[in-house]
PDB file of N, CA and C in Angstrom:
ATOM      1  N   UNK A   1       0.849  -1.176   0.000  1.00  0.00           N
ATOM      2  CA  UNK A   1       0.000   0.000   0.000  1.00  0.00           C
ATOM      3  C   UNK A   1       0.893   1.236   0.000  1.00  0.00           C
ATOM      4  N   UNK A   2       0.690   2.122  -0.953  1.00  0.00           N
ATOM      5  CA  UNK A   2       1.492   3.339  -1.062  1.00  0.00           C
ATOM      6  C   UNK A   2       1.035   4.421  -0.101  1.00  0.00           C
ATOM      7  N   UNK A   3       1.937   5.336   0.149  1.00  0.00           N
ATOM      8  CA  UNK A   3       1.607   6.484   0.999  1.00  0.00           C
ATOM      9  C   UNK A   3       0.913   7.553   0.186  1.00  0.00           C
ATOM     10  N   UNK A   4      -0.086   8.180   0.742  1.00  0.00           N
ATOM     11  CA  UNK A   4      -0.795   9.262   0.069  1.00  0.00           C
ATOM     12  C   UNK A   4       0.100  10.496  -0.010  1.00  0.00           C
ATOM     13  N   UNK A   5       0.132  11.123  -1.155  1.00  0.00           N
ATOM     14  CA  UNK A   5       0.841  12.395  -1.295  1.00  0.00           C
ATOM     15  C   UNK A   5      -0.170  13.455  -1.725  1.00  0.00           C
ATOM     16  N   UNK A   6      -0.073  14.597  -1.112  1.00  0.00           N
ATOM     17  CA  UNK A   6      -0.983  15.699  -1.418  1.00  0.00           C
ATOM     18  C   UNK A   6      -0.724  16.164  -2.850  1.00  0.00           C
ATOM     19  N   UNK A   7      -1.741  16.312  -3.694  1.00  0.00           N
ATOM     20  CA  UNK A   7      -1.558  16.540  -5.128  1.00  0.00           C
ATOM     21  C   UNK A   7      -1.227  17.976  -5.558  1.00  0.00           C
ATOM     22  N   UNK A   8      -1.057  18.905  -4.654  1.00  0.00           N
ATOM     23  CA  UNK A   8      -0.903  20.304  -5.042  1.00  0.00           C
ATOM     24  C   UNK A   8       0.306  20.539  -5.950  1.00  0.00           C
ATOM     25  N   UNK A   9       1.380  19.795  -5.789  1.00  0.00           N
ATOM     26  CA  UNK A   9       2.575  20.015  -6.601  1.00  0.00           C
ATOM     27  C   UNK A   9       2.697  19.032  -7.772  1.00  0.00           C
ATOM     28  N   UNK A  10       1.638  18.279  -8.051  1.00  0.00           N
ATOM     29  CA  UNK A  10       1.676  17.389  -9.211  1.00  0.00           C
ATOM     30  C   UNK A  10       1.829  18.204 -10.489  1.00  0.00           C
ATOM     31  N   UNK A  11       2.553  17.656 -11.445  1.00  0.00           N
ATOM     32  CA  UNK A  11       2.737  18.331 -12.731  1.00  0.00           C
ATOM     33  C   UNK A  11       1.387  18.464 -13.434  1.00  0.00           C
ATOM     34  N   UNK A  12       1.157  19.618 -14.011  1.00  0.00           N
ATOM     35  CA  UNK A  12      -0.105  19.897 -14.690  1.00  0.00           C
ATOM     36  C   UNK A  12       0.165  20.338 -16.123  1.00  0.00           C
ATOM     37  N   UNK A  13      -0.734  20.004 -17.036  1.00  0.00           N
ATOM     38  CA  UNK A  13      -0.588  20.465 -18.422  1.00  0.00           C
ATOM     39  C   UNK A  13      -1.284  21.809 -18.631  1.00  0.00           C
ATOM     40  N   UNK A  14      -1.718  22.438 -17.539  1.00  0.00           N
ATOM     41  CA  UNK A  14      -2.341  23.761 -17.584  1.00  0.00           C
ATOM     42  C   UNK A  14      -1.453  24.765 -16.871  1.00  0.00           C
ATOM     43  N   UNK A  15      -1.594  26.041 -17.196  1.00  0.00           N
ATOM     44  CA  UNK A  15      -0.842  27.064 -16.450  1.00  0.00           C
ATOM     45  C   UNK A  15      -1.266  27.053 -14.983  1.00  0.00           C
ATOM     46  N   UNK A  16      -0.342  27.332 -14.099  1.00  0.00           N
ATOM     47  CA  UNK A  16      -0.629  27.445 -12.672  1.00  0.00           C
ATOM     48  C   UNK A  16      -0.095  28.800 -12.218  1.00  0.00           C
ATOM     49  N   UNK A  17      -0.345  29.180 -10.971  1.00  0.00           N
ATOM     50  CA  UNK A  17       0.009  30.513 -10.489  1.00  0.00           C
ATOM     51  C   UNK A  17       0.566  30.453  -9.073  1.00  0.00           C
ATOM     52  N   UNK A  18       1.510  31.349  -8.784  1.00  0.00           N
ATOM     53  CA  UNK A  18       1.944  31.627  -7.423  1.00  0.00           C
ATOM     54  C   UNK A  18       1.269  32.951  -7.076  1.00  0.00           C
ATOM     55  N   UNK A  19       0.470  32.972  -6.016  1.00  0.00           N
ATOM     56  CA  UNK A  19      -0.320  34.145  -5.667  1.00  0.00           C
ATOM     57  C   UNK A  19       0.011  34.561  -4.237  1.00  0.00           C
ATOM     58  N   UNK A  20       0.176  35.868  -4.021  1.00  0.00           N
ATOM     59  CA  UNK A  20       0.378  36.418  -2.681  1.00  0.00           C
ATOM     60  C   UNK A  20      -0.719  37.451  -2.458  1.00  0.00           C
ATOM     61  N   UNK A  21      -1.435  37.303  -1.344  1.00  0.00           N
ATOM     62  CA  UNK A  21      -2.470  38.270  -1.008  1.00  0.00           C
ATOM     63  C   UNK A  21      -2.432  38.567   0.479  1.00  0.00           C
ATOM     64  N   UNK A  22      -3.048  39.691   0.854  1.00  0.00           N
ATOM     65  CA  UNK A  22      -3.084  40.028   2.272  1.00  0.00           C
ATOM     66  C   UNK A  22      -4.225  39.269   2.947  1.00  0.00           C
ATOM     67  N   UNK A  23      -4.385  39.473   4.229  1.00  0.00           N
ATOM     68  CA  UNK A  23      -5.392  38.714   4.965  1.00  0.00           C
ATOM     69  C   UNK A  23      -6.823  39.157   4.674  1.00  0.00           C
ATOM     70  N   UNK A  24      -6.983  40.206   3.865  1.00  0.00           N
ATOM     71  CA  UNK A  24      -8.307  40.654   3.438  1.00  0.00           C
ATOM     72  C   UNK A  24      -8.565  40.277   1.983  1.00  0.00           C
ATOM     73  N   UNK A  25      -7.761  39.336   1.460  1.00  0.00           N
ATOM     74  CA  UNK A  25      -7.864  38.808   0.103  1.00  0.00           C
ATOM     75  C   UNK A  25      -7.538  39.842  -0.977  1.00  0.00           C
ATOM     76  N   UNK A  26      -6.805  40.894  -0.615  1.00  0.00           N
ATOM     77  CA  UNK A  26      -6.348  41.862  -1.611  1.00  0.00           C
ATOM     78  C   UNK A  26      -5.122  41.273  -2.307  1.00  0.00           C
ATOM     79  N   UNK A  27      -5.184  41.166  -3.620  1.00  0.00           N
ATOM     80  CA  UNK A  27      -4.090  40.599  -4.401  1.00  0.00           C
ATOM     81  C   UNK A  27      -2.863  41.504  -4.340  1.00  0.00           C
ATOM     82  N   UNK A  28      -1.718  40.949  -3.916  1.00  0.00           N
ATOM     83  CA  UNK A  28      -0.477  41.710  -3.839  1.00  0.00           C
ATOM     84  C   UNK A  28       0.440  41.397  -5.017  1.00  0.00           C
ATOM     85  N   UNK A  29       0.476  40.132  -5.427  1.00  0.00           N
ATOM     86  CA  UNK A  29       1.241  39.757  -6.616  1.00  0.00           C
ATOM     87  C   UNK A  29       0.747  38.415  -7.126  1.00  0.00           C
ATOM     88  N   UNK A  30       0.957  38.204  -8.420  1.00  0.00           N
ATOM     89  CA  UNK A  30       0.538  36.962  -9.060  1.00  0.00           C
ATOM     90  C   UNK A  30       1.552  36.624 -10.139  1.00  0.00           C
ATOM     91  N   UNK A  31       2.090  35.432 -10.089  1.00  0.00           N
ATOM     92  CA  UNK A  31       3.088  34.990 -11.067  1.00  0.00           C
ATOM     93  C   UNK A  31       2.532  33.779 -11.807  1.00  0.00           C
ATOM     94  N   UNK A  32       2.417  33.885 -13.130  1.00  0.00           N
ATOM     95  CA  UNK A  32       1.915  32.775 -13.947  1.00  0.00           C
ATOM     96  C   UNK A  32       3.050  31.806 -14.213  1.00  0.00           C
ATOM     97  N   UNK A  33       2.782  30.517 -14.052  1.00  0.00           N
ATOM     98  CA  UNK A  33       3.759  29.474 -14.316  1.00  0.00           C
ATOM     99  C   UNK A  33       3.338  28.717 -15.568  1.00  0.00           C
ATOM    100  N   UNK A  34       4.298  28.341 -16.355  1.00  0.00           N
ATOM    101  CA  UNK A  34       4.022  27.608 -17.593  1.00  0.00           C
ATOM    102  C   UNK A  34       3.495  26.207 -17.278  1.00  0.00           C
ATOM    103  N   UNK A  35       2.736  25.613 -18.214  1.00  0.00           N
ATOM    104  CA  UNK A  35       2.330  24.225 -18.023  1.00  0.00           C
ATOM    105  C   UNK A  35       3.569  23.345 -17.805  1.00  0.00           C
ATOM    106  N   UNK A  36       3.436  22.334 -16.971  1.00  0.00           N
ATOM    107  CA  UNK A  36       4.503  21.380 -16.641  1.00  0.00           C
ATOM    108  C   UNK A  36       5.668  22.013 -15.879  1.00  0.00           C
ATOM    109  N   UNK A  37       5.468  23.194 -15.306  1.00  0.00           N
ATOM    110  CA  UNK A  37       6.522  23.851 -14.515  1.00  0.00           C
ATOM    111  C   UNK A  37       6.764  23.058 -13.235  1.00  0.00           C
ATOM    112  N   UNK A  38       7.936  23.244 -12.659  1.00  0.00           N
ATOM    113  CA  UNK A  38       8.271  22.648 -11.363  1.00  0.00           C
ATOM    114  C   UNK A  38       7.568  23.476 -10.287  1.00  0.00           C
ATOM    115  N   UNK A  39       6.404  23.048  -9.864  1.00  0.00           N
ATOM    116  CA  UNK A  39       5.577  23.827  -8.952  1.00  0.00           C
ATOM    117  C   UNK A  39       6.222  23.970  -7.577  1.00  0.00           C
ATOM    118  N   UNK A  40       6.780  22.903  -7.073  1.00  0.00           N
ATOM    119  CA  UNK A  40       7.442  22.964  -5.770  1.00  0.00           C
ATOM    120  C   UNK A  40       8.647  23.904  -5.826  1.00  0.00           C
ATOM    121  N   UNK A  41       9.424  23.812  -6.887  1.00  0.00           N
ATOM    122  CA  UNK A  41      10.578  24.698  -7.058  1.00  0.00           C
ATOM    123  C   UNK A  41      10.165  26.154  -7.186  1.00  0.00           C
ATOM    124  N   UNK A  42       9.068  26.414  -7.900  1.00  0.00           N
ATOM    125  CA  UNK A  42       8.575  27.784  -8.059  1.00  0.00           C
ATOM    126  C   UNK A  42       8.111  28.357  -6.726  1.00  0.00           C
ATOM    127  N   UNK A  43       7.449  27.531  -5.921  1.00  0.00           N
ATOM    128  CA  UNK A  43       6.993  27.987  -4.604  1.00  0.00           C
ATOM    129  C   UNK A  43       8.195  28.275  -3.708  1.00  0.00           C
ATOM    130  N   UNK A  44       9.179  27.392  -3.726  1.00  0.00           N
ATOM    131  CA  UNK A  44      10.396  27.596  -2.935  1.00  0.00           C
ATOM    132  C   UNK A  44      11.111  28.863  -3.370  1.00  0.00           C
ATOM    133  N   UNK A  45      11.215  29.094  -4.677  1.00  0.00           N
ATOM    134  CA  UNK A  45      11.881  30.301  -5.193  1.00  0.00           C
ATOM    135  C   UNK A  45      11.134  31.562  -4.769  1.00  0.00           C
ATOM    136  N   UNK A  46       9.805  31.523  -4.796  1.00  0.00           N
ATOM    137  CA  UNK A  46       9.014  32.689  -4.381  1.00  0.00           C
ATOM    138  C   UNK A  46       9.215  32.980  -2.897  1.00  0.00           C
ATOM    139  N   UNK A  47       9.233  31.950  -2.075  1.00  0.00           N
ATOM    140  CA  UNK A  47       9.457  32.142  -0.637  1.00  0.00           C
ATOM    141  C   UNK A  47      10.863  32.653  -0.385  1.00  0.00           C
ATOM    142  N   UNK A  48      11.852  32.103  -1.083  1.00  0.00           N
ATOM    143  CA  UNK A  48      13.239  32.571  -0.936  1.00  0.00           C
ATOM    144  C   UNK A  48      13.351  34.054  -1.293  1.00  0.00           C
ATOM    145  N   UNK A  49      12.686  34.462  -2.384  1.00  0.00           N
ATOM    146  CA  UNK A  49      12.714  35.871  -2.793  1.00  0.00           C
ATOM    147  C   UNK A  49      12.088  36.756  -1.727  1.00  0.00           C
ATOM    148  N   UNK A  50      10.940  36.337  -1.209  1.00  0.00           N
ATOM    149  CA  UNK A  50      10.276  37.112  -0.165  1.00  0.00           C
ATOM    150  C   UNK A  50      11.135  37.185   1.101  1.00  0.00           C
ATOM    151  N   UNK A  51      11.837  36.111   1.426  1.00  0.00           N
ATOM    152  CA  UNK A  51      12.718  36.131   2.598  1.00  0.00           C
ATOM    153  C   UNK A  51      13.881  37.105   2.397  1.00  0.00           C
ATOM    154  N   UNK A  52      14.395  37.201   1.184  1.00  0.00           N
ATOM    155  CA  UNK A  52      15.455  38.190   0.903  1.00  0.00           C
ATOM    156  C   UNK A  52      14.927  39.614   1.054  1.00  0.00           C
ATOM    157  N   UNK A  53      13.614  39.794   0.890  1.00  0.00           N
ATOM    158  CA  UNK A  53      12.984  41.103   1.039  1.00  0.00           C
ATOM    159  C   UNK A  53      12.552  41.377   2.484  1.00  0.00           C
ATOM    160  N   UNK A  54      12.893  40.481   3.422  1.00  0.00           N
ATOM    161  CA  UNK A  54      12.603  40.709   4.825  1.00  0.00           C
ATOM    162  C   UNK A  54      11.424  39.936   5.394  1.00  0.00           C
ATOM    163  N   UNK A  55      10.761  39.121   4.591  1.00  0.00           N
ATOM    164  CA  UNK A  55       9.631  38.326   5.060  1.00  0.00           C
ATOM    165  C   UNK A  55      10.131  36.997   5.612  1.00  0.00           C
ATOM    166  N   UNK A  56       9.340  36.347   6.440  1.00  0.00           N
ATOM    167  CA  UNK A  56       9.673  35.031   6.986  1.00  0.00           C
ATOM    168  C   UNK A  56       8.451  34.126   6.874  1.00  0.00           C
ATOM    169  N   UNK A  57       8.653  32.943   6.294  1.00  0.00           N
ATOM    170  CA  UNK A  57       7.576  31.952   6.212  1.00  0.00           C
ATOM    171  C   UNK A  57       7.310  31.398   7.601  1.00  0.00           C
ATOM    172  N   UNK A  58       6.042  31.223   7.937  1.00  0.00           N
ATOM    173  CA  UNK A  58       5.669  30.711   9.254  1.00  0.00           C
ATOM    174  C   UNK A  58       5.639  29.191   9.306  1.00  0.00           C
ATOM    175  N   UNK A  59       5.709  28.528   8.169  1.00  0.00           N
ATOM    176  CA  UNK A  59       5.662  27.064   8.105  1.00  0.00           C
ATOM    177  C   UNK A  59       6.268  26.623   6.778  1.00  0.00           C
ATOM    178  N   UNK A  60       6.203  25.345   6.507  1.00  0.00           N
ATOM    179  CA  UNK A  60       6.654  24.836   5.210  1.00  0.00           C
ATOM    180  C   UNK A  60       5.470  24.848   4.240  1.00  0.00           C
ATOM    181  N   UNK A  61       5.732  25.008   2.953  1.00  0.00           N
ATOM    182  CA  UNK A  61       4.636  25.080   1.978  1.00  0.00           C
ATOM    183  C   UNK A  61       4.214  23.720   1.422  1.00  0.00           C
ATOM    184  N   UNK A  62       4.313  22.668   2.205  1.00  0.00           N
ATOM    185  CA  UNK A  62       4.050  21.322   1.700  1.00  0.00           C
ATOM    186  C   UNK A  62       2.629  21.124   1.170  1.00  0.00           C
ATOM    187  N   UNK A  63       1.695  21.974   1.570  1.00  0.00           N
ATOM    188  CA  UNK A  63       0.327  21.886   1.060  1.00  0.00           C
ATOM    189  C   UNK A  63       0.017  23.009   0.068  1.00  0.00           C
ATOM    190  N   UNK A  64       1.053  23.685  -0.420  1.00  0.00           N
ATOM    191  CA  UNK A  64       0.859  24.722  -1.423  1.00  0.00           C
ATOM    192  C   UNK A  64       0.395  26.045  -0.868  1.00  0.00           C
ATOM    193  N   UNK A  65       0.539  26.240   0.441  1.00  0.00           N
ATOM    194  CA  UNK A  65       0.053  27.458   1.084  1.00  0.00           C
ATOM    195  C   UNK A  65       0.936  27.739   2.292  1.00  0.00           C
ATOM    196  N   UNK A  66       1.243  29.017   2.523  1.00  0.00           N
ATOM    197  CA  UNK A  66       2.027  29.378   3.698  1.00  0.00           C
ATOM    198  C   UNK A  66       1.755  30.836   4.064  1.00  0.00           C
ATOM    199  N   UNK A  67       1.668  31.110   5.364  1.00  0.00           N
ATOM    200  CA  UNK A  67       1.601  32.491   5.824  1.00  0.00           C
ATOM    201  C   UNK A  67       3.013  33.038   5.888  1.00  0.00           C
ATOM    202  N   UNK A  68       3.160  34.311   5.529  1.00  0.00           N
ATOM    203  CA  UNK A  68       4.460  34.972   5.502  1.00  0.00           C
ATOM    204  C   UNK A  68       4.337  36.247   6.319  1.00  0.00           C
ATOM    205  N   UNK A  69       5.329  36.487   7.179  1.00  0.00           N
ATOM    206  CA  UNK A  69       5.249  37.613   8.113  1.00  0.00           C
ATOM    207  C   UNK A  69       6.493  38.485   7.998  1.00  0.00           C
ATOM    208  N   UNK A  70       6.260  39.797   8.128  1.00  0.00           N
ATOM    209  CA  UNK A  70       7.348  40.781   8.258  1.00  0.00           C
ATOM    210  C   UNK A  70       6.921  41.718   9.377  1.00  0.00           C
ATOM    211  N   UNK A  71       7.511  41.535  10.554  1.00  0.00           N
ATOM    212  CA  UNK A  71       7.095  42.328  11.716  1.00  0.00           C
ATOM    213  C   UNK A  71       5.656  42.002  12.055  1.00  0.00           C
ATOM    214  N   UNK A  72       4.800  43.026  12.105  1.00  0.00           N
ATOM    215  CA  UNK A  72       3.389  42.824  12.428  1.00  0.00           C
ATOM    216  C   UNK A  72       2.555  42.555  11.183  1.00  0.00           C
ATOM    217  N   UNK A  73       3.126  42.706   9.996  1.00  0.00           N
ATOM    218  CA  UNK A  73       2.377  42.486   8.758  1.00  0.00           C
ATOM    219  C   UNK A  73       2.428  41.008   8.394  1.00  0.00           C
ATOM    220  N   UNK A  74       1.285  40.476   7.971  1.00  0.00           N
ATOM    221  CA  UNK A  74       1.177  39.065   7.645  1.00  0.00           C
ATOM    222  C   UNK A  74       0.409  38.919   6.352  1.00  0.00           C
ATOM    223  N   UNK A  75       0.921  38.082   5.422  1.00  0.00           N
ATOM    224  CA  UNK A  75       0.249  37.822   4.163  1.00  0.00           C
ATOM    225  C   UNK A  75       0.234  36.324   3.922  1.00  0.00           C
ATOM    226  N   UNK A  76      -0.474  35.895   2.890  1.00  0.00           N
ATOM    227  CA  UNK A  76      -0.557  34.485   2.548  1.00  0.00           C
ATOM    228  C   UNK A  76      -0.024  34.285   1.143  1.00  0.00           C
ATOM    229  N   UNK A  77       0.721  33.209   0.970  1.00  0.00           N
ATOM    230  CA  UNK A  77       1.213  32.819  -0.346  1.00  0.00           C
ATOM    231  C   UNK A  77       0.658  31.455  -0.682  1.00  0.00           C
ATOM    232  N   UNK A  78       0.278  31.244  -1.918  1.00  0.00           N
ATOM    233  CA  UNK A  78      -0.330  29.995  -2.316  1.00  0.00           C
ATOM    234  C   UNK A  78       0.087  29.655  -3.726  1.00  0.00           C
ATOM    235  N   UNK A  79       0.314  28.356  -3.958  1.00  0.00           N
ATOM    236  CA  UNK A  79       0.557  27.885  -5.318  1.00  0.00           C
ATOM    237  C   UNK A  79      -0.790  27.675  -5.956  1.00  0.00           C
TER     238      UNK A  79
END
């Protein structure tokens, strides 16, 4: 019996997006990814970029979603 893996980072033949919004669902940025893109790598790269800008991820993005904080400001990032 195989272990279940969450499908959020499965390769897709459709475009996907990395989206960052505030806690009131205001869109802050949106990055379109090509079909068959490395979704996990794109999410990691987006978090790394945000961390270089002073943000800190509050958890791992293993489910395609993570809260990101800079001081008292908090936003959400999602694949």
